[in-house]
C-alpha cells in the first residue's frame, strides 16, 4: 500500500484539485470527479522521471511526457526522498539478515537471488519450525487450504506471505483474505511482489501469541 493525500496539482499551467498517490514504483495524480466524467489522471513511473525537486512545499517532477507539480507541504521532501531511494522488495517484505525463512513454491528467480544474498537461513520447499517468514505461492483457491498447517510453523511474531497471480479468476484477493482468516490469521499488508504477482501478509493475532 502506498501513501495518498488530497492536494492541488499544476499540469500544463493549470492548477487542478485532486488526490496524489505515492506507490512503490510510480506517482499518480487523479483530479476530482469520476473517471466517467473525464477527470484528469497522470501516472509517472519512477524510471521515467528526468528531474525531481522539492521546494517551498511543492514536489516538481519532470518526466518523459511533460511535468507534474504537486502541492504537498511538509510531505514534499519526504516524497522526493522515497522516489529517489525506493525501498527494495526484500525491505518491503521485512526480510532481515537474521530472518529464518521458508520458501514454498516460489519460482521467481530474481526474488530467490535477492533472498539468498540477504539471509542464509533459508529452507527450500519444506517448512521449518519457528520460521520468521514463510513465502507461499498459491495459484488457485484450493491451495489456500494449506495455510492453517503453515501457520503452525511460524514463530509467535512471524508472518506468512501468500503470493498469488494478479488478475486471475482462479484466485482473487478476496479468496486469499478469506483463506488467511479461515486459518485464524489477520492480514496486515499488501505488496506488489512482481509485475505478475501480489503478496499478502498474514500474522498470528496478538491475543493468540
Foldseek 3Di string as FASTA:
>chain_A
DWDKDWWWKADPNDIATFMWTQDQFKIKTWGPDDVVVVTDIDIGGLVFWDDWDQDPQWIWTQGPVGIMIIRHHPCNVVSRVCSVPGDDLCVVVPDAQPFQEEEAPDPDPVVVVVNVVGYPNYHYRDAAAQGQEYEYEDEALVVLVCVLVNQRRHHQNHKYKYKYFPPDPRDDPVSNQVSLVVSQWHWDDKDANDPTIIIIITHHPPVVD
